[in-house]
Amino acid sequence: MENSLPPIPAKRYFTISEVGDLCGVKPHVLRYWEQEFTQLRPMKRRGNRRYYQHHEVLTIRRIRDLLYDQGFTISGARNKMQELAQEEFSGTANNPVILDGVEVIELRDSQFSDFVDTALMRDLRSVDDPWLQIRQELSEIREILIHKI
């Protein structure tokens, strides 16, 4: 069934209706899945509008596959997603991670400062999500350390 889903366009953010179309799921189902799966944390802006990133669209497609195609229950799919995340984190995944339309770039420390997207950093400063703020602070600390060494 996943083959019948449309390709994911190269965009930074997707609205809930766009994600629904890309994943073959209605918006109310996506909102429910946000409550059930900790991996789904779309950015919320004015009026609680949700904006999903590419990796979240891939996660939704994986959840959809587990529930609709493989017949998992919500609880079983939640456990499987946690299991997969643990395997990917520990590097013991049996299957390679498929990066659908994502270009992987390896950078040396000296190239990192050139790579930082200033627009993204502006976005990070305007969001109340503590993880994004921590990421921005760590990037700033890394910059300081690179220049001190």
C-alpha atoms as a PDB file:
ATOM      1  CA  MET A   1       0.000   0.000   0.000  1.00  0.00           C
ATOM      2  CA  GLU A   2       2.926   2.349   0.721  1.00  0.00           C
ATOM      3  CA  ASN A   3       3.824   2.302  -2.988  1.00  0.00           C
ATOM      4  CA  SER A   4       0.512   4.001  -3.776  1.00  0.00           C
ATOM      5  CA  LEU A   5       1.368   6.963  -1.535  1.00  0.00           C
ATOM      6  CA  PRO A   6       2.627  10.088  -3.302  1.00  0.00           C
ATOM      7  CA  PRO A   7       6.290  11.096  -3.026  1.00  0.00           C
ATOM      8  CA  ILE A   8       7.169  13.547  -0.274  1.00  0.00           C
ATOM      9  CA  PRO A   9       8.058  16.969  -1.713  1.00  0.00           C
ATOM     10  CA  ALA A  10      11.265  18.731  -0.682  1.00  0.00           C
ATOM     11  CA  LYS A  11       9.802  21.179   1.821  1.00  0.00           C
ATOM     12  CA  ARG A  12      10.782  22.107   5.353  1.00  0.00           C
ATOM     13  CA  TYR A  13       7.283  22.123   6.865  1.00  0.00           C
ATOM     14  CA  PHE A  14       3.965  20.474   5.979  1.00  0.00           C
ATOM     15  CA  THR A  15       0.474  21.367   7.197  1.00  0.00           C
ATOM     16  CA  ILE A  16      -1.745  18.710   8.723  1.00  0.00           C
ATOM     17  CA  SER A  17      -3.878  18.518   5.573  1.00  0.00           C
ATOM     18  CA  GLU A  18      -0.766  18.081   3.393  1.00  0.00           C
ATOM     19  CA  VAL A  19       0.469  15.302   5.670  1.00  0.00           C
ATOM     20  CA  GLY A  20      -2.953  13.687   5.560  1.00  0.00           C
ATOM     21  CA  ASP A  21      -2.814  13.647   1.754  1.00  0.00           C
ATOM     22  CA  LEU A  22       0.797  12.394   1.702  1.00  0.00           C
ATOM     23  CA  CYS A  23       0.082   9.573   4.162  1.00  0.00           C
ATOM     24  CA  GLY A  24      -3.496   8.639   3.272  1.00  0.00           C
ATOM     25  CA  VAL A  25      -4.764   9.501   6.753  1.00  0.00           C
ATOM     26  CA  LYS A  26      -7.370  12.047   7.849  1.00  0.00           C
ATOM     27  CA  PRO A  27      -6.282  15.004  10.032  1.00  0.00           C
ATOM     28  CA  HIS A  28      -8.306  13.856  13.055  1.00  0.00           C
ATOM     29  CA  VAL A  29      -6.426  10.534  12.949  1.00  0.00           C
ATOM     30  CA  LEU A  30      -3.106  12.399  12.929  1.00  0.00           C
ATOM     31  CA  ARG A  31      -4.160  14.404  15.979  1.00  0.00           C
ATOM     32  CA  TYR A  32      -5.112  11.172  17.749  1.00  0.00           C
ATOM     33  CA  TRP A  33      -1.805   9.536  16.824  1.00  0.00           C
ATOM     34  CA  GLU A  34       0.045  12.507  18.358  1.00  0.00           C
ATOM     35  CA  GLN A  35      -1.475  11.493  21.693  1.00  0.00           C
ATOM     36  CA  GLU A  36      -0.558   7.838  21.261  1.00  0.00           C
ATOM     37  CA  PHE A  37       2.945   8.028  19.755  1.00  0.00           C
ATOM     38  CA  THR A  38       5.617  10.093  21.493  1.00  0.00           C
ATOM     39  CA  GLN A  39       7.625  10.292  18.254  1.00  0.00           C
ATOM     40  CA  LEU A  40       5.030  12.632  16.752  1.00  0.00           C
ATOM     41  CA  ARG A  41       5.598  16.150  18.006  1.00  0.00           C
ATOM     42  CA  PRO A  42       4.796  18.608  15.237  1.00  0.00           C
ATOM     43  CA  MET A  43       5.736  22.225  15.723  1.00  0.00           C
ATOM     44  CA  LYS A  44       2.761  24.337  16.709  1.00  0.00           C
ATOM     45  CA  ARG A  45       2.443  27.956  15.724  1.00  0.00           C
ATOM     46  CA  ARG A  46      -0.274  30.573  15.903  1.00  0.00           C
ATOM     47  CA  GLY A  47      -3.705  29.150  16.644  1.00  0.00           C
ATOM     48  CA  ASN A  48      -2.159  25.736  17.441  1.00  0.00           C
ATOM     49  CA  ARG A  49      -1.556  25.089  13.756  1.00  0.00           C
ATOM     50  CA  ARG A  50       0.587  22.031  13.312  1.00  0.00           C
ATOM     51  CA  TYR A  51       3.637  21.977  11.062  1.00  0.00           C
ATOM     52  CA  TYR A  52       5.258  18.617  10.399  1.00  0.00           C
ATOM     53  CA  GLN A  53       8.817  18.056   9.205  1.00  0.00           C
ATOM     54  CA  HIS A  54      10.013  15.456   6.705  1.00  0.00           C
ATOM     55  CA  HIS A  55      11.088  12.936   9.359  1.00  0.00           C
ATOM     56  CA  GLU A  56       7.656  13.145  10.991  1.00  0.00           C
ATOM     57  CA  VAL A  57       5.953  12.388   7.672  1.00  0.00           C
ATOM     58  CA  LEU A  58       8.169   9.293   7.369  1.00  0.00           C
ATOM     59  CA  THR A  59       7.257   8.320  10.939  1.00  0.00           C
ATOM     60  CA  ILE A  60       3.552   8.699  10.167  1.00  0.00           C
ATOM     61  CA  ARG A  61       3.954   6.489   7.111  1.00  0.00           C
ATOM     62  CA  ARG A  62       5.699   3.885   9.263  1.00  0.00           C
ATOM     63  CA  ILE A  63       2.894   4.032  11.855  1.00  0.00           C
ATOM     64  CA  ARG A  64       0.287   3.779   9.110  1.00  0.00           C
ATOM     65  CA  ASP A  65       2.033   0.707   7.695  1.00  0.00           C
ATOM     66  CA  LEU A  66       2.142  -0.963  11.114  1.00  0.00           C
ATOM     67  CA  LEU A  67      -1.537  -0.257  11.828  1.00  0.00           C
ATOM     68  CA  TYR A  68      -3.203  -0.610   8.443  1.00  0.00           C
ATOM     69  CA  ASP A  69      -0.992  -2.990   6.474  1.00  0.00           C
ATOM     70  CA  GLN A  70       0.632  -5.188   9.141  1.00  0.00           C
ATOM     71  CA  GLY A  71      -2.410  -5.306  11.448  1.00  0.00           C
ATOM     72  CA  PHE A  72      -0.808  -4.061  14.677  1.00  0.00           C
ATOM     73  CA  THR A  73      -2.972  -2.613  17.432  1.00  0.00           C
ATOM     74  CA  ILE A  74      -2.213   0.924  18.659  1.00  0.00           C
ATOM     75  CA  SER A  75      -0.413  -0.543  21.677  1.00  0.00           C
ATOM     76  CA  GLY A  76       1.504  -3.029  19.533  1.00  0.00           C
ATOM     77  CA  ALA A  77       2.480  -0.332  17.031  1.00  0.00           C
ATOM     78  CA  ARG A  78       3.617   1.939  19.881  1.00  0.00           C
ATOM     79  CA  ASN A  79       5.813  -0.853  21.252  1.00  0.00           C
ATOM     80  CA  LYS A  80       7.192  -1.651  17.784  1.00  0.00           C
ATOM     81  CA  MET A  81       8.018   2.024  17.159  1.00  0.00           C
ATOM     82  CA  GLN A  82       9.870   2.209  20.492  1.00  0.00           C
ATOM     83  CA  GLU A  83      11.689  -1.003  19.621  1.00  0.00           C
ATOM     84  CA  LEU A  84      12.704   0.354  16.209  1.00  0.00           C
ATOM     85  CA  ALA A  85      13.844   3.636  17.740  1.00  0.00           C
ATOM     86  CA  GLN A  86      15.948   1.754  20.290  1.00  0.00           C
ATOM     87  CA  GLU A  87      17.525  -0.368  17.531  1.00  0.00           C
ATOM     88  CA  GLU A  88      18.326   2.701  15.440  1.00  0.00           C
ATOM     89  CA  PHE A  89      19.743   4.507  18.467  1.00  0.00           C
ATOM     90  CA  SER A  90      21.968   1.602  19.486  1.00  0.00           C
ATOM     91  CA  GLY A  91      22.994   0.905  15.883  1.00  0.00           C
ATOM     92  CA  THR A  92      21.725  -2.670  15.918  1.00  0.00           C
ATOM     93  CA  ALA A  93      19.018  -2.268  13.311  1.00  0.00           C
ATOM     94  CA  ASN A  94      18.902  -5.275  10.981  1.00  0.00           C
ATOM     95  CA  ASN A  95      17.645  -3.231   8.062  1.00  0.00           C
ATOM     96  CA  PRO A  96      19.282  -0.058   6.823  1.00  0.00           C
ATOM     97  CA  VAL A  97      17.381   3.145   7.486  1.00  0.00           C
ATOM     98  CA  ILE A  98      15.728   4.314   4.294  1.00  0.00           C
ATOM     99  CA  LEU A  99      16.207   8.027   3.760  1.00  0.00           C
ATOM    100  CA  ASP A 100      13.493   8.773   1.254  1.00  0.00           C
ATOM    101  CA  GLY A 101      14.691  11.795  -0.683  1.00  0.00           C
ATOM    102  CA  VAL A 102      17.167  12.908   1.983  1.00  0.00           C
ATOM    103  CA  GLU A 103      20.703  13.798   1.010  1.00  0.00           C
ATOM    104  CA  VAL A 104      23.203  12.699   3.648  1.00  0.00           C
ATOM    105  CA  ILE A 105      26.135  15.082   4.132  1.00  0.00           C
ATOM    106  CA  GLU A 106      29.166  14.361   6.281  1.00  0.00           C
ATOM    107  CA  LEU A 107      30.888  17.455   7.622  1.00  0.00           C
ATOM    108  CA  ARG A 108      34.203  18.006   9.306  1.00  0.00           C
ATOM    109  CA  ASP A 109      34.107  20.241  12.381  1.00  0.00           C
ATOM    110  CA  SER A 110      35.666  23.060  10.400  1.00  0.00           C
ATOM    111  CA  GLN A 111      32.788  22.908   7.901  1.00  0.00           C
ATOM    112  CA  PHE A 112      30.026  22.836  10.520  1.00  0.00           C
ATOM    113  CA  SER A 113      29.827  26.578  10.997  1.00  0.00           C
ATOM    114  CA  ASP A 114      29.328  27.070   7.251  1.00  0.00           C
ATOM    115  CA  PHE A 115      26.504  24.533   7.253  1.00  0.00           C
ATOM    116  CA  VAL A 116      24.338  26.042  10.016  1.00  0.00           C
ATOM    117  CA  ASP A 117      21.129  27.335   8.497  1.00  0.00           C
ATOM    118  CA  THR A 118      20.575  30.818   9.895  1.00  0.00           C
ATOM    119  CA  ALA A 119      16.872  30.762   9.025  1.00  0.00           C
ATOM    120  CA  LEU A 120      16.493  27.565  11.036  1.00  0.00           C
ATOM    121  CA  MET A 121      18.293  29.147  13.977  1.00  0.00           C
ATOM    122  CA  ARG A 122      15.880  32.091  13.846  1.00  0.00           C
ATOM    123  CA  ASP A 123      13.012  29.605  13.895  1.00  0.00           C
ATOM    124  CA  LEU A 124      14.545  27.815  16.874  1.00  0.00           C
ATOM    125  CA  ARG A 125      14.717  31.038  18.866  1.00  0.00           C
ATOM    126  CA  SER A 126      11.027  31.739  18.249  1.00  0.00           C
ATOM    127  CA  VAL A 127       9.762  28.309  19.345  1.00  0.00           C
ATOM    128  CA  ASP A 128       8.917  27.465  22.949  1.00  0.00           C
ATOM    129  CA  ASP A 129       9.945  23.800  22.590  1.00  0.00           C
ATOM    130  CA  PRO A 130      12.756  23.212  25.126  1.00  0.00           C
ATOM    131  CA  TRP A 131      14.467  20.542  22.961  1.00  0.00           C
ATOM    132  CA  LEU A 132      14.838  22.972  20.095  1.00  0.00           C
ATOM    133  CA  GLN A 133      16.211  25.616  22.431  1.00  0.00           C
ATOM    134  CA  ILE A 134      18.712  23.109  23.831  1.00  0.00           C
ATOM    135  CA  ARG A 135      19.777  22.210  20.288  1.00  0.00           C
ATOM    136  CA  GLN A 136      20.386  25.869  19.489  1.00  0.00           C
ATOM    137  CA  GLU A 137      22.346  26.397  22.713  1.00  0.00           C
ATOM    138  CA  LEU A 138      24.488  23.330  22.004  1.00  0.00           C
ATOM    139  CA  SER A 139      25.222  24.652  18.513  1.00  0.00           C
ATOM    140  CA  GLU A 140      26.343  27.950  20.025  1.00  0.00           C
ATOM    141  CA  ILE A 141      28.535  26.140  22.570  1.00  0.00           C
ATOM    142  CA  ARG A 142      30.070  24.051  19.787  1.00  0.00           C
ATOM    143  CA  GLU A 143      30.896  27.221  17.867  1.00  0.00           C
ATOM    144  CA  ILE A 144      32.616  28.665  20.932  1.00  0.00           C
ATOM    145  CA  LEU A 145      34.621  25.479  21.478  1.00  0.00           C
ATOM    146  CA  ILE A 146      35.668  25.238  17.829  1.00  0.00           C
ATOM    147  CA  HIS A 147      37.036  28.774  17.896  1.00  0.00           C
ATOM    148  CA  LYS A 148      38.802  28.311  21.248  1.00  0.00           C
ATOM    149  CA  ILE A 149      40.701  25.200  20.175  1.00  0.00           C
END
